[in-house]
N, C-alpha and C. Protein backbone atom coordinates (compact mmCIF):
# COMPACT_ATOMS: atom_id res chain seq x y z
N UNK A 1 0.85 -1.18 0.00
CA UNK A 1 0.00 0.00 0.00
C UNK A 1 0.89 1.24 0.00
N UNK A 2 0.58 2.19 -0.84
CA UNK A 2 1.37 3.41 -0.99
C UNK A 2 0.76 4.50 -0.09
N UNK A 3 1.49 5.02 0.87
CA UNK A 3 0.99 6.02 1.83
C UNK A 3 1.29 7.45 1.40
N UNK A 4 1.96 7.67 0.30
CA UNK A 4 2.33 9.04 -0.09
C UNK A 4 1.12 9.93 -0.36
N UNK A 5 0.02 9.47 -1.00
CA UNK A 5 -1.14 10.37 -1.18
C UNK A 5 -1.78 10.75 0.15
N UNK A 6 -1.80 9.82 1.09
CA UNK A 6 -2.39 10.11 2.41
C UNK A 6 -1.52 11.12 3.15
N UNK A 7 -0.21 10.96 3.08
CA UNK A 7 0.69 11.90 3.75
C UNK A 7 0.65 13.27 3.10
N UNK A 8 0.39 13.33 1.79
CA UNK A 8 0.32 14.62 1.10
C UNK A 8 -0.91 15.41 1.56
N UNK A 9 -1.99 14.71 1.96
CA UNK A 9 -3.20 15.39 2.41
C UNK A 9 -3.13 15.78 3.88
N UNK A 10 -2.19 15.28 4.60
CA UNK A 10 -2.07 15.59 6.03
C UNK A 10 -1.64 17.03 6.22
N UNK A 11 -2.11 17.70 7.30
CA UNK A 11 -1.70 19.08 7.55
C UNK A 11 -0.23 19.16 7.88
N UNK A 12 0.41 20.29 7.55
CA UNK A 12 1.84 20.43 7.84
C UNK A 12 2.07 20.42 9.35
N UNK A 13 3.22 19.94 9.77
CA UNK A 13 3.52 19.91 11.21
C UNK A 13 3.67 21.32 11.79
N UNK A 14 3.47 21.46 13.09
CA UNK A 14 3.60 22.70 13.84
C UNK A 14 2.61 23.78 13.38
N UNK A 15 1.52 23.42 12.79
CA UNK A 15 0.48 24.37 12.43
C UNK A 15 0.83 25.30 11.29
N UNK A 16 1.85 25.04 10.55
CA UNK A 16 2.25 25.90 9.45
C UNK A 16 1.23 25.86 8.31
N UNK A 17 0.99 26.96 7.67
CA UNK A 17 0.08 27.03 6.54
C UNK A 17 -1.37 27.13 6.94
N UNK A 18 -1.70 27.33 8.18
CA UNK A 18 -3.07 27.43 8.65
C UNK A 18 -3.75 28.72 8.22
N UNK A 19 -2.99 29.78 7.95
CA UNK A 19 -3.57 31.06 7.56
C UNK A 19 -4.26 30.99 6.19
N UNK A 20 -3.70 30.25 5.28
CA UNK A 20 -4.29 30.10 3.96
C UNK A 20 -5.63 29.39 4.04
N UNK A 21 -5.74 28.42 4.92
CA UNK A 21 -6.99 27.69 5.10
C UNK A 21 -8.06 28.58 5.70
N UNK A 22 -7.69 29.43 6.62
CA UNK A 22 -8.64 30.35 7.24
C UNK A 22 -9.14 31.37 6.23
N UNK A 23 -8.22 31.88 5.42
CA UNK A 23 -8.60 32.88 4.41
C UNK A 23 -9.54 32.27 3.37
N UNK A 24 -9.24 31.07 2.91
CA UNK A 24 -10.12 30.43 1.91
C UNK A 24 -11.48 30.10 2.52
N UNK A 25 -11.51 29.77 3.79
CA UNK A 25 -12.79 29.50 4.47
C UNK A 25 -13.62 30.78 4.55
N UNK A 26 -13.00 31.89 4.88
CA UNK A 26 -13.72 33.16 4.96
C UNK A 26 -14.23 33.60 3.58
N UNK A 27 -13.41 33.40 2.55
CA UNK A 27 -13.83 33.76 1.20
C UNK A 27 -15.02 32.90 0.78
N UNK A 28 -14.95 31.61 1.07
CA UNK A 28 -16.05 30.70 0.72
C UNK A 28 -17.32 31.07 1.48
N UNK A 29 -17.20 31.43 2.73
CA UNK A 29 -18.35 31.84 3.54
C UNK A 29 -18.98 33.12 2.98
N UNK A 30 -18.15 34.09 2.60
CA UNK A 30 -18.66 35.34 2.00
C UNK A 30 -19.34 35.05 0.66
N UNK A 31 -18.79 34.13 -0.11
CA UNK A 31 -19.39 33.76 -1.39
C UNK A 31 -20.77 33.12 -1.18
N UNK A 32 -20.90 32.27 -0.19
CA UNK A 32 -22.19 31.63 0.11
C UNK A 32 -23.21 32.67 0.54
N UNK A 33 -22.81 33.62 1.36
CA UNK A 33 -23.72 34.69 1.79
C UNK A 33 -24.14 35.54 0.60
N UNK A 34 -23.22 35.85 -0.30
CA UNK A 34 -23.54 36.63 -1.50
C UNK A 34 -24.53 35.90 -2.40
N UNK A 35 -24.32 34.62 -2.60
CA UNK A 35 -25.25 33.83 -3.42
C UNK A 35 -26.62 33.79 -2.77
N UNK A 36 -26.66 33.59 -1.46
CA UNK A 36 -27.93 33.55 -0.72
C UNK A 36 -28.68 34.87 -0.90
N UNK A 37 -27.97 35.99 -0.81
CA UNK A 37 -28.60 37.30 -0.96
C UNK A 37 -29.19 37.47 -2.35
N UNK A 38 -28.40 37.20 -3.39
CA UNK A 38 -28.85 37.46 -4.76
C UNK A 38 -29.85 36.43 -5.28
N UNK A 39 -29.86 35.24 -4.72
CA UNK A 39 -30.79 34.22 -5.21
C UNK A 39 -32.09 34.16 -4.41
N UNK A 40 -32.08 34.57 -3.14
CA UNK A 40 -33.27 34.42 -2.29
C UNK A 40 -33.78 35.74 -1.77
N UNK A 41 -32.97 36.50 -1.07
CA UNK A 41 -33.44 37.71 -0.39
C UNK A 41 -33.83 38.82 -1.35
N UNK A 42 -33.00 39.11 -2.33
CA UNK A 42 -33.27 40.22 -3.24
C UNK A 42 -34.54 40.01 -4.08
N UNK A 43 -34.75 38.83 -4.67
CA UNK A 43 -36.01 38.62 -5.40
C UNK A 43 -37.24 38.70 -4.49
N UNK A 44 -37.13 38.22 -3.26
CA UNK A 44 -38.26 38.30 -2.33
C UNK A 44 -38.58 39.75 -2.00
N UNK A 45 -37.57 40.58 -1.81
CA UNK A 45 -37.80 41.99 -1.54
C UNK A 45 -38.46 42.67 -2.73
N UNK A 46 -38.07 42.29 -3.95
CA UNK A 46 -38.67 42.87 -5.16
C UNK A 46 -40.14 42.48 -5.25
N UNK A 47 -40.47 41.20 -5.00
CA UNK A 47 -41.87 40.77 -5.04
C UNK A 47 -42.69 41.51 -3.99
N UNK A 48 -42.14 41.69 -2.80
CA UNK A 48 -42.84 42.39 -1.73
C UNK A 48 -43.09 43.85 -2.12
N UNK A 49 -42.11 44.49 -2.74
CA UNK A 49 -42.25 45.88 -3.18
C UNK A 49 -43.32 46.00 -4.27
N UNK A 50 -43.32 45.06 -5.22
CA UNK A 50 -44.33 45.06 -6.29
C UNK A 50 -45.73 44.85 -5.72
N UNK A 51 -45.86 43.96 -4.75
CA UNK A 51 -47.17 43.71 -4.12
C UNK A 51 -47.66 44.95 -3.39
N UNK A 52 -46.76 45.64 -2.70
CA UNK A 52 -47.13 46.86 -1.99
C UNK A 52 -47.62 47.93 -2.97
N UNK A 53 -46.95 48.05 -4.11
CA UNK A 53 -47.39 49.01 -5.14
C UNK A 53 -48.77 48.64 -5.67
N UNK A 54 -49.00 47.33 -5.87
CA UNK A 54 -50.30 46.88 -6.36
C UNK A 54 -51.40 47.22 -5.35
N UNK A 55 -51.15 46.98 -4.06
CA UNK A 55 -52.15 47.27 -3.04
C UNK A 55 -52.43 48.77 -2.92
N UNK A 56 -51.41 49.59 -3.12
CA UNK A 56 -51.60 51.04 -3.05
C UNK A 56 -52.32 51.58 -4.28
N UNK A 57 -52.23 50.86 -5.41
CA UNK A 57 -52.83 51.32 -6.67
C UNK A 57 -54.31 50.94 -6.80
N UNK A 58 -54.83 50.18 -5.85
CA UNK A 58 -56.23 49.76 -5.93
C UNK A 58 -57.13 50.99 -5.81
N UNK A 59 -58.15 51.05 -6.70
CA UNK A 59 -59.09 52.16 -6.65
C UNK A 59 -60.51 51.62 -6.77
N UNK A 60 -61.45 52.46 -6.46
CA UNK A 60 -62.86 52.09 -6.52
C UNK A 60 -63.22 51.69 -7.96
N UNK A 61 -63.92 50.59 -8.10
CA UNK A 61 -64.33 50.10 -9.41
C UNK A 61 -63.42 49.02 -9.97
N UNK A 62 -62.24 48.81 -9.38
CA UNK A 62 -61.35 47.75 -9.84
C UNK A 62 -61.96 46.39 -9.54
N UNK A 63 -61.74 45.46 -10.45
CA UNK A 63 -62.16 44.08 -10.21
C UNK A 63 -60.96 43.34 -9.65
N UNK A 64 -61.19 42.60 -8.56
CA UNK A 64 -60.09 41.90 -7.90
C UNK A 64 -60.47 40.45 -7.61
N UNK A 65 -59.45 39.69 -7.27
CA UNK A 65 -59.61 38.33 -6.76
C UNK A 65 -58.89 38.31 -5.42
N UNK A 66 -59.56 37.84 -4.37
CA UNK A 66 -58.92 37.77 -3.06
C UNK A 66 -58.01 36.54 -3.00
N UNK A 67 -57.20 36.48 -1.98
CA UNK A 67 -56.31 35.32 -1.82
C UNK A 67 -57.11 34.05 -1.57
N UNK A 68 -58.35 34.17 -1.14
CA UNK A 68 -59.22 33.02 -0.94
C UNK A 68 -59.96 32.62 -2.20
N UNK A 69 -59.84 33.40 -3.28
CA UNK A 69 -60.45 33.07 -4.55
C UNK A 69 -61.78 33.76 -4.82
N UNK A 70 -62.19 34.69 -3.97
CA UNK A 70 -63.46 35.40 -4.15
C UNK A 70 -63.28 36.53 -5.16
N UNK A 71 -64.14 36.57 -6.18
CA UNK A 71 -64.10 37.62 -7.20
C UNK A 71 -65.10 38.70 -6.84
N UNK A 72 -64.71 39.96 -7.07
CA UNK A 72 -65.63 41.06 -6.80
C UNK A 72 -65.09 42.38 -7.31
N UNK A 73 -65.89 43.43 -7.09
CA UNK A 73 -65.54 44.77 -7.52
C UNK A 73 -65.42 45.66 -6.28
N UNK A 74 -64.41 46.53 -6.27
CA UNK A 74 -64.21 47.43 -5.14
C UNK A 74 -65.33 48.46 -5.11
N UNK A 75 -66.05 48.51 -3.98
CA UNK A 75 -67.14 49.47 -3.82
C UNK A 75 -66.74 50.61 -2.89
N UNK A 76 -65.72 50.40 -2.08
CA UNK A 76 -65.25 51.43 -1.16
C UNK A 76 -63.88 51.07 -0.63
N UNK A 77 -63.11 52.09 -0.26
CA UNK A 77 -61.75 51.88 0.23
C UNK A 77 -61.53 52.69 1.49
N UNK A 78 -60.98 52.03 2.50
CA UNK A 78 -60.49 52.69 3.71
C UNK A 78 -58.97 52.52 3.74
N UNK A 79 -58.36 53.01 4.81
CA UNK A 79 -56.90 52.92 4.91
C UNK A 79 -56.42 51.47 4.91
N UNK A 80 -57.09 50.60 5.68
CA UNK A 80 -56.64 49.21 5.79
C UNK A 80 -57.65 48.20 5.26
N UNK A 81 -58.85 48.65 4.93
CA UNK A 81 -59.88 47.71 4.50
C UNK A 81 -60.48 48.10 3.15
N UNK A 82 -61.15 47.14 2.54
CA UNK A 82 -61.83 47.34 1.27
C UNK A 82 -63.27 46.86 1.42
N UNK A 83 -64.19 47.52 0.75
CA UNK A 83 -65.56 47.06 0.67
C UNK A 83 -65.71 46.45 -0.71
N UNK A 84 -65.98 45.16 -0.74
CA UNK A 84 -66.00 44.41 -1.99
C UNK A 84 -67.43 44.00 -2.32
N UNK A 85 -67.89 44.41 -3.51
CA UNK A 85 -69.22 44.02 -3.96
C UNK A 85 -69.07 42.72 -4.74
N UNK A 86 -69.73 41.65 -4.23
CA UNK A 86 -69.61 40.35 -4.87
C UNK A 86 -70.86 39.97 -5.66
N UNK A 87 -71.99 40.64 -5.40
CA UNK A 87 -73.23 40.42 -6.14
C UNK A 87 -74.10 41.64 -5.93
N UNK A 88 -75.28 41.69 -6.57
CA UNK A 88 -76.20 42.81 -6.36
C UNK A 88 -76.60 42.87 -4.90
N UNK A 89 -76.41 44.04 -4.29
CA UNK A 89 -76.76 44.28 -2.89
C UNK A 89 -76.01 43.37 -1.91
N UNK A 90 -74.87 42.82 -2.29
CA UNK A 90 -74.05 42.01 -1.39
C UNK A 90 -72.66 42.62 -1.36
N UNK A 91 -72.30 43.18 -0.22
CA UNK A 91 -70.97 43.79 -0.06
C UNK A 91 -70.30 43.16 1.15
N UNK A 92 -69.00 42.94 1.03
CA UNK A 92 -68.22 42.33 2.10
C UNK A 92 -67.01 43.20 2.38
N UNK A 93 -66.59 43.20 3.63
CA UNK A 93 -65.43 44.00 4.04
C UNK A 93 -64.22 43.08 4.19
N UNK A 94 -63.10 43.46 3.55
CA UNK A 94 -61.87 42.67 3.59
C UNK A 94 -60.70 43.57 3.93
N UNK A 95 -59.66 42.97 4.49
CA UNK A 95 -58.39 43.67 4.68
C UNK A 95 -57.73 43.84 3.30
N UNK A 96 -56.97 44.91 3.14
CA UNK A 96 -56.26 45.10 1.86
C UNK A 96 -55.31 43.95 1.58
N UNK A 97 -54.74 43.39 2.62
CA UNK A 97 -53.78 42.30 2.44
C UNK A 97 -54.44 41.04 1.87
N UNK A 98 -55.76 40.96 1.87
CA UNK A 98 -56.46 39.79 1.32
C UNK A 98 -56.54 39.82 -0.20
N UNK A 99 -56.16 40.93 -0.82
CA UNK A 99 -56.21 41.02 -2.27
C UNK A 99 -55.11 40.15 -2.86
N UNK A 100 -55.49 39.23 -3.73
CA UNK A 100 -54.52 38.36 -4.38
C UNK A 100 -54.07 38.91 -5.72
N UNK A 101 -55.01 39.52 -6.47
CA UNK A 101 -54.68 40.05 -7.79
C UNK A 101 -55.75 41.03 -8.23
N UNK A 102 -55.36 41.90 -9.15
CA UNK A 102 -56.30 42.83 -9.79
C UNK A 102 -56.59 42.26 -11.18
N UNK A 103 -57.86 42.14 -11.53
CA UNK A 103 -58.25 41.60 -12.83
C UNK A 103 -58.21 42.71 -13.86
N UNK A 104 -57.51 42.46 -14.97
CA UNK A 104 -57.43 43.45 -16.06
C UNK A 104 -58.79 43.55 -16.74
N UNK A 105 -59.12 44.73 -17.16
CA UNK A 105 -60.41 44.98 -17.83
C UNK A 105 -60.46 44.29 -19.18
N UNK A 106 -61.53 43.53 -19.44
CA UNK A 106 -61.79 42.95 -20.74
C UNK A 106 -61.02 41.69 -21.09
N UNK A 107 -59.88 41.45 -20.46
CA UNK A 107 -59.07 40.30 -20.83
C UNK A 107 -59.31 39.10 -19.92
N UNK A 108 -59.79 39.33 -18.72
CA UNK A 108 -60.01 38.24 -17.79
C UNK A 108 -58.73 37.72 -17.17
N UNK A 109 -57.59 38.36 -17.48
CA UNK A 109 -56.32 37.95 -16.89
C UNK A 109 -56.11 38.71 -15.59
N UNK A 110 -55.21 38.23 -14.78
CA UNK A 110 -54.93 38.90 -13.53
C UNK A 110 -53.50 39.41 -13.51
N UNK A 111 -53.31 40.47 -12.75
CA UNK A 111 -51.96 40.94 -12.50
C UNK A 111 -51.81 41.03 -10.99
N UNK A 112 -50.65 40.69 -10.51
CA UNK A 112 -50.44 40.69 -9.07
C UNK A 112 -49.49 39.57 -8.71
N UNK A 113 -49.77 38.85 -7.65
CA UNK A 113 -48.89 37.78 -7.20
C UNK A 113 -48.91 36.64 -8.18
N UNK A 114 -47.74 36.06 -8.39
CA UNK A 114 -47.63 34.90 -9.26
C UNK A 114 -47.03 33.76 -8.50
């Protein structure tokens, strides 16, 4: 059995060369944090910002779909709540955060969370 490859992988005696290992570990850790930020946190912040803009852009007469799947038309708006008309003489009060999407006029498509 040849032990030279095993001995080549062994750390140098007296702790020599340990600084290079620490530096590469720190660089790798910073790289992982950078990837985590650009792949997970940044897109989530963008989606949250877009959703906030959508909720602020809601106006009376818009057709919406709630996160529970209820379709209706905005009949009134307060600071934190919406009055949603779902049928003739049937109005329901919802939190603004319950809005899942705004329905585009005439196309039947929705814009909002995907």
